[in-house]
Amino acid sequence: MKKLFVLLLLGISCAATAQTKPALYPKLSKTLDSLVYVDQWPMQRMMQQLPDSAGRNLEEVEKLNYANHQPVLEKIIQQYGYPGFRQVGEKSAFNFWLMVQHADAHIDFQRKVLQLMRREVKRHNVDPSNYAFLFDRIAINSGQLEEYGTQVKYTGNVGGDYSNVIAVPVSLRDPEKSGQTPGCYWNGDATGLFESYD
């Protein structure tokens, strides 16, 4: 019976240590989650083909939300640094990154965040695939070629049978180096993405 009790205690203590640590900044996490709800709301309505109850143009609402969020995101960076997994948890770290992706009108801000992300990828504090998406987004918006092939356009019969729709990178700088060939959407595998940067 004693052995069973000790084994049970060991199992409970091991399970407790396997749990994710709580975010260092839970209030910031809640703020980011609230902001991303506002960020995504117009797009969700458009995808569901639902109008705005106030009769506003949802594309304009979306642009206004993006513009209003950028200074808030800038302030978060100034106050907390990059809000990665340890600071705000995985979901809220993703939400922060998503709103930075949408700050296309502020490309210098996106570049600043990209530099911060690079350091955090090395620390395993952000998703490396998010770095790849932001890297390519900045490249496309700067008139340069993509490195990872994450920014795509869709070809094929988009309006009907989706089985023949292909996601094609907008412009890929070096398909061999990035492990991609034109016409193939980046598969999201960021394994080893930053091995050479350590």
Protein backbone atom coordinates (compact mmCIF):
# COMPACT_ATOMS: atom_id res chain seq x y z
CA MET A 1 0.00 0.00 0.00
CA LYS A 2 2.88 2.37 0.88
CA LYS A 3 4.48 1.69 -2.51
CA LEU A 4 1.22 2.48 -4.29
CA PHE A 5 0.92 5.76 -2.37
CA VAL A 6 4.53 6.75 -3.22
CA LEU A 7 4.00 5.89 -6.89
CA LEU A 8 0.78 7.89 -6.91
CA LEU A 9 2.56 10.90 -5.38
CA LEU A 10 5.39 10.61 -7.90
CA GLY A 11 2.89 10.45 -10.75
CA ILE A 12 1.04 13.53 -9.50
CA SER A 13 4.23 15.53 -8.99
CA CYS A 14 5.52 14.57 -12.47
CA ALA A 15 2.21 15.56 -14.04
CA ALA A 16 2.30 18.89 -12.23
CA THR A 17 5.78 19.70 -13.50
CA ALA A 18 4.76 18.80 -17.07
CA GLN A 19 2.12 21.53 -17.09
CA THR A 20 2.90 24.79 -18.79
CA LYS A 21 4.06 27.60 -16.57
CA PRO A 22 1.57 30.42 -16.15
CA ALA A 23 2.21 33.55 -18.19
CA LEU A 24 4.36 36.20 -16.52
CA TYR A 25 1.88 38.91 -17.57
CA PRO A 26 -1.67 37.52 -17.40
CA LYS A 27 -3.28 40.98 -17.73
CA LEU A 28 -1.26 41.64 -20.89
CA SER A 29 -2.35 38.24 -22.17
CA LYS A 30 -6.01 39.19 -21.68
CA THR A 31 -5.42 42.54 -23.38
CA LEU A 32 -3.88 40.85 -26.43
CA ASP A 33 -6.73 38.35 -26.62
CA SER A 34 -9.30 41.19 -26.48
CA LEU A 35 -7.46 43.18 -29.15
CA VAL A 36 -7.28 40.21 -31.51
CA TYR A 37 -11.02 39.68 -31.14
CA VAL A 38 -11.54 43.23 -32.43
CA ASP A 39 -8.86 42.63 -35.09
CA GLN A 40 -10.57 39.51 -36.42
CA TRP A 41 -14.22 40.54 -36.06
CA PRO A 42 -14.65 42.32 -39.44
CA MET A 43 -12.95 39.47 -41.33
CA GLN A 44 -15.13 36.89 -39.61
CA ARG A 45 -18.25 38.84 -40.56
CA MET A 46 -17.07 39.13 -44.18
CA MET A 47 -16.24 35.41 -44.37
CA GLN A 48 -19.70 34.58 -43.06
CA GLN A 49 -21.10 37.10 -45.56
CA LEU A 50 -22.80 38.98 -42.73
CA PRO A 51 -23.21 42.76 -42.82
CA ASP A 52 -22.21 45.10 -40.03
CA SER A 53 -25.25 45.85 -37.85
CA ALA A 54 -24.34 49.57 -37.95
CA GLY A 55 -24.11 49.56 -41.76
CA ARG A 56 -20.36 50.27 -41.85
CA ASN A 57 -18.04 49.06 -44.61
CA LEU A 58 -16.31 46.10 -42.93
CA GLU A 59 -13.12 46.50 -44.97
CA GLU A 60 -12.83 50.06 -43.68
CA VAL A 61 -13.55 48.90 -40.12
CA GLU A 62 -10.81 46.31 -40.49
CA LYS A 63 -8.29 48.92 -41.70
CA LEU A 64 -9.26 51.26 -38.86
CA ASN A 65 -8.79 48.48 -36.31
CA TYR A 66 -5.35 47.68 -37.71
CA ALA A 67 -4.38 51.35 -37.54
CA ASN A 68 -5.69 51.75 -33.99
CA HIS A 69 -3.90 48.64 -32.74
CA GLN A 70 -0.42 49.48 -34.04
CA PRO A 71 0.38 52.20 -31.42
CA VAL A 72 -0.89 49.87 -28.68
CA LEU A 73 1.41 47.10 -29.94
CA GLU A 74 4.30 49.57 -30.07
CA LYS A 75 3.65 50.53 -26.45
CA ILE A 76 3.56 46.87 -25.43
CA ILE A 77 6.99 46.35 -27.02
CA GLN A 78 8.35 49.41 -25.20
CA GLN A 79 6.93 48.33 -21.84
CA TYR A 80 7.40 44.54 -21.90
CA GLY A 81 9.70 43.69 -24.78
CA TYR A 82 8.52 40.97 -27.14
CA PRO A 83 5.51 39.16 -25.61
CA GLY A 84 6.47 35.56 -26.27
CA PHE A 85 5.32 32.25 -24.81
CA ARG A 86 6.82 32.83 -21.38
CA GLN A 87 5.43 36.33 -21.06
CA VAL A 88 1.84 35.81 -22.27
CA GLY A 89 1.37 32.14 -23.22
CA GLU A 90 1.25 30.54 -26.66
CA LYS A 91 -2.23 31.76 -27.66
CA SER A 92 -1.60 35.40 -26.72
CA ALA A 93 1.89 35.35 -28.27
CA PHE A 94 0.25 34.19 -31.52
CA ASN A 95 -2.37 36.93 -31.18
CA PHE A 96 0.33 39.58 -30.80
CA TRP A 97 2.14 38.29 -33.88
CA LEU A 98 -1.10 38.21 -35.89
CA MET A 99 -1.78 41.87 -35.17
CA VAL A 100 1.79 42.77 -36.13
CA GLN A 101 1.18 40.93 -39.42
CA HIS A 102 -1.78 43.23 -39.98
CA ALA A 103 0.26 46.41 -39.35
CA ASP A 104 1.27 46.61 -43.03
CA ALA A 105 0.97 50.40 -43.01
CA HIS A 106 3.82 50.45 -40.44
CA ILE A 107 6.56 48.43 -42.10
CA ASP A 108 9.33 49.92 -39.93
CA PHE A 109 7.44 48.70 -36.88
CA GLN A 110 7.12 45.24 -38.45
CA ARG A 111 10.88 45.21 -39.10
CA LYS A 112 11.57 46.15 -35.47
CA VAL A 113 9.35 43.31 -34.27
CA LEU A 114 11.01 40.90 -36.70
CA GLN A 115 14.41 41.66 -35.14
CA LEU A 116 12.98 41.04 -31.67
CA MET A 117 11.38 37.80 -32.87
CA ARG A 118 14.67 36.53 -34.26
CA ARG A 119 16.22 36.68 -30.79
CA GLU A 120 13.16 35.07 -29.23
CA VAL A 121 13.17 32.20 -31.76
CA LYS A 122 16.69 31.34 -30.56
CA ARG A 123 15.31 31.28 -27.01
CA HIS A 124 12.39 29.07 -28.08
CA ASN A 125 10.02 31.81 -26.94
CA VAL A 126 8.15 32.27 -30.26
CA ASP A 127 6.99 30.03 -33.06
CA PRO A 128 9.64 30.06 -35.82
CA SER A 129 6.95 29.71 -38.49
CA ASN A 130 5.49 33.05 -37.34
CA TYR A 131 8.92 34.58 -37.93
CA ALA A 132 8.91 33.13 -41.46
CA PHE A 133 5.45 34.55 -42.19
CA LEU A 134 6.40 38.03 -40.96
CA PHE A 135 9.74 37.92 -42.80
CA ASP A 136 7.99 37.15 -46.09
CA ARG A 137 5.21 39.66 -45.49
CA ILE A 138 7.73 42.45 -44.99
CA ALA A 139 9.62 41.32 -48.11
CA ILE A 140 6.50 41.39 -50.28
CA ASN A 141 5.38 44.76 -48.91
CA SER A 142 8.89 46.12 -49.61
CA GLY A 143 8.87 44.92 -53.21
CA GLN A 144 11.34 42.10 -52.48
CA LEU A 145 11.14 38.33 -52.98
CA GLU A 146 9.99 35.91 -50.32
CA GLU A 147 12.44 33.69 -48.52
CA TYR A 148 10.05 31.01 -47.19
CA GLY A 149 7.10 31.09 -49.60
CA THR A 150 4.49 31.86 -46.94
CA GLN A 151 2.65 34.66 -48.77
CA VAL A 152 0.51 32.99 -51.39
CA LYS A 153 -2.04 33.68 -54.06
CA TYR A 154 -4.60 31.09 -55.05
CA THR A 155 -5.00 29.78 -58.57
CA GLY A 156 -7.57 27.41 -59.99
CA ASN A 157 -11.33 27.37 -59.68
CA VAL A 158 -11.68 29.30 -56.43
CA GLY A 159 -15.42 29.83 -56.90
CA GLY A 160 -16.46 26.20 -57.24
CA ASP A 161 -14.59 22.95 -56.83
CA TYR A 162 -11.81 23.64 -54.32
CA SER A 163 -9.99 20.38 -55.07
CA ASN A 164 -8.05 22.01 -57.91
CA VAL A 165 -7.13 25.21 -56.08
CA ILE A 166 -3.37 25.64 -55.65
CA ALA A 167 -1.63 28.03 -53.28
CA VAL A 168 1.34 29.56 -55.07
CA PRO A 169 3.98 31.74 -53.35
CA VAL A 170 3.74 35.32 -54.58
CA SER A 171 7.46 35.45 -55.37
CA LEU A 172 10.10 33.10 -54.05
CA ARG A 173 13.72 34.27 -53.98
CA ASP A 174 15.46 30.90 -53.91
CA PRO A 175 13.21 27.81 -54.04
CA GLU A 176 16.12 25.41 -53.49
CA LYS A 177 17.51 27.20 -50.44
CA SER A 178 14.14 27.39 -48.73
CA GLY A 179 13.33 23.81 -49.63
CA GLN A 180 10.40 24.84 -51.79
CA THR A 181 9.56 24.72 -55.45
CA PRO A 182 7.33 27.28 -57.17
CA GLY A 183 3.71 26.23 -56.96
CA CYS A 184 4.07 24.55 -53.58
CA TYR A 185 2.78 26.27 -50.49
CA TRP A 186 5.20 26.36 -47.56
CA ASN A 187 4.26 23.41 -45.39
CA GLY A 188 4.85 25.11 -42.06
CA ASP A 189 7.85 23.02 -41.07
CA ALA A 190 10.26 25.42 -39.42
CA THR A 191 12.51 22.70 -38.03
CA GLY A 192 16.10 23.90 -38.14
CA LEU A 193 15.09 27.30 -39.44
CA PHE A 194 17.56 29.09 -37.21
CA GLU A 195 20.26 26.49 -36.66
CA SER A 196 22.82 28.56 -38.57
CA TYR A 197 22.08 31.68 -36.49
CA ASP A 198 23.12 30.30 -33.09
